[in-house]
Amino acid sequence: MTPRKTRDHKISREATKLVHGGSLRSDFQETSEALFLTQGYLYDTMEAAEARFKGDDPGFIYSRYSNPTVAMFEHRMALLEGAEAARATASGMAAVTAALMGQLRAGDHIVAARALFGSCLYVVEELLPRFGVESTLVDGTDLAQWRAAMRPNTKTLFLESPTNPTLEIIDIAGVAEIAREHGATLVVDNVFATPLMQHPLKLGADCVVYSATKHIDGQGRTLGGVILASEAFIAAHIHTLLRQTGPSLSPFNAWVMLKSLETLPLRVAAQTRSAEKIADFLSEHPRVERTLYPGRSDHPQHALAKRQMKGGGTLVTFEVKGGKPAAFKFANALSIIGISNNLGDAKSLVTHPATTTHQRLKPEARARLGIGDGMIRLSVGLEDVEDLIEDLDQAFGALEAGKRRAAE
């Protein structure tokens, strides 16, 4: 069967790209993307195999290298992101690790924002130094700190924006300019913003990474990651590393994510609308110390968020008065909203960063990042927003009831 490719040049708008982009159809002309569960591929002759391995004949060799279903996912993500090339990985952390390690060698230096997901901090602070790569952490919102941290051997800069879990916004264009001035690259973890609400490549980043486990799947089913950049960046830093070390995305997971991409704009738009309403509710609640949501005017970097994002996103972070005991009691009283460290799901989820995603950090490090013991991160799902607000309200009510009982 000879694959027939969709004519991507006729696809110009976002939602259409997410339904049709990069499709490969067999001679059966299936409407749904085909799932190629195969490890290897046959060649008509030994000469054909030789040509394929030498790169003289394009095609698939082995599914650790590439696979038709995975290739469709990569192509569709590249179209969405506006990138020349993409490479899929088995998880978001595989994408982050490959994007950094593919560039860095012993004697190099990396500068990263201090506000990172716990596993990303591990890669920067502990893993890379084992291989002779020095690292410096900075306050990501302070461009002066980025400039001061640069060295002659600085090869790459790394950040996420909005950050996990405090939803800080970092000036991607400003950091990209600093990277260019010093001949370094910039890698941006764009998972919280999603590829719909923020476009780091257009802001000057060299590489964008995602945990496709989050909004891209969006329904809590599969793990996956993706690296997006120019053809030159992928060829120089990513292609051979992935091919030889094998953090491959399963074709089945790629197929699931292809189907999920079709509804990504609908899901993210609905989740964002609900997140806006929930952030307003939380900001006025007497049991909440503070609410962090980039779409609200009281967010510390609201003006920057409006400049580089198309919306406030699907996550809301808030601080429950009373520290860890109150945060735990509140979360345990929720009935619709689940407790999980995942995010970007169709189901609304809360987590307590100080004891989950950032529990490896010492208390003083968490305090420096603004992660208090009462902090809750809420990933808003697709439930009716009024049901979610009522669930949050009754959980706060359980706190009040417990306080009254304790006083009696």
Foldseek 3Di string as FASTA:
>chain_A
DAWDWDPCVVPDDQLSLLLRFQATDDPVRDNAGDQDQDFADDDPDPVRLVCPVVVNDDDDGGVLQNDSLQRSLFRSVCSLLVFATKAKFQALLVQLLLLPVLFDAAPAEEEEELQAWQSSCCCQPPVVVVRRYHYHYDNQQDLVRLLVPDDLRHAEYEYEALGPPQRDGGQLLSSLVSQVVNVHAYEYADAQQPSVWFRSVVSRHAKYKYFCCAQLLQANDGTMMMMGGYPVSCVRGNNVVSSVPRRGHRSVRSSSSSVSSSCSVVWWVLLQVLQVVLQVLLCPDPQWPHKAWLQDPPHPCVVSSVVGTPGRGNKIKTFGPPFQVLLVQLQVQFDQEDDDPGANHQGKYKYQCCVPRPVVDDPVSCVVVVRTRRMMMIGGHNDDSVVVNVRSVVSVVSVVVVVVVVVD
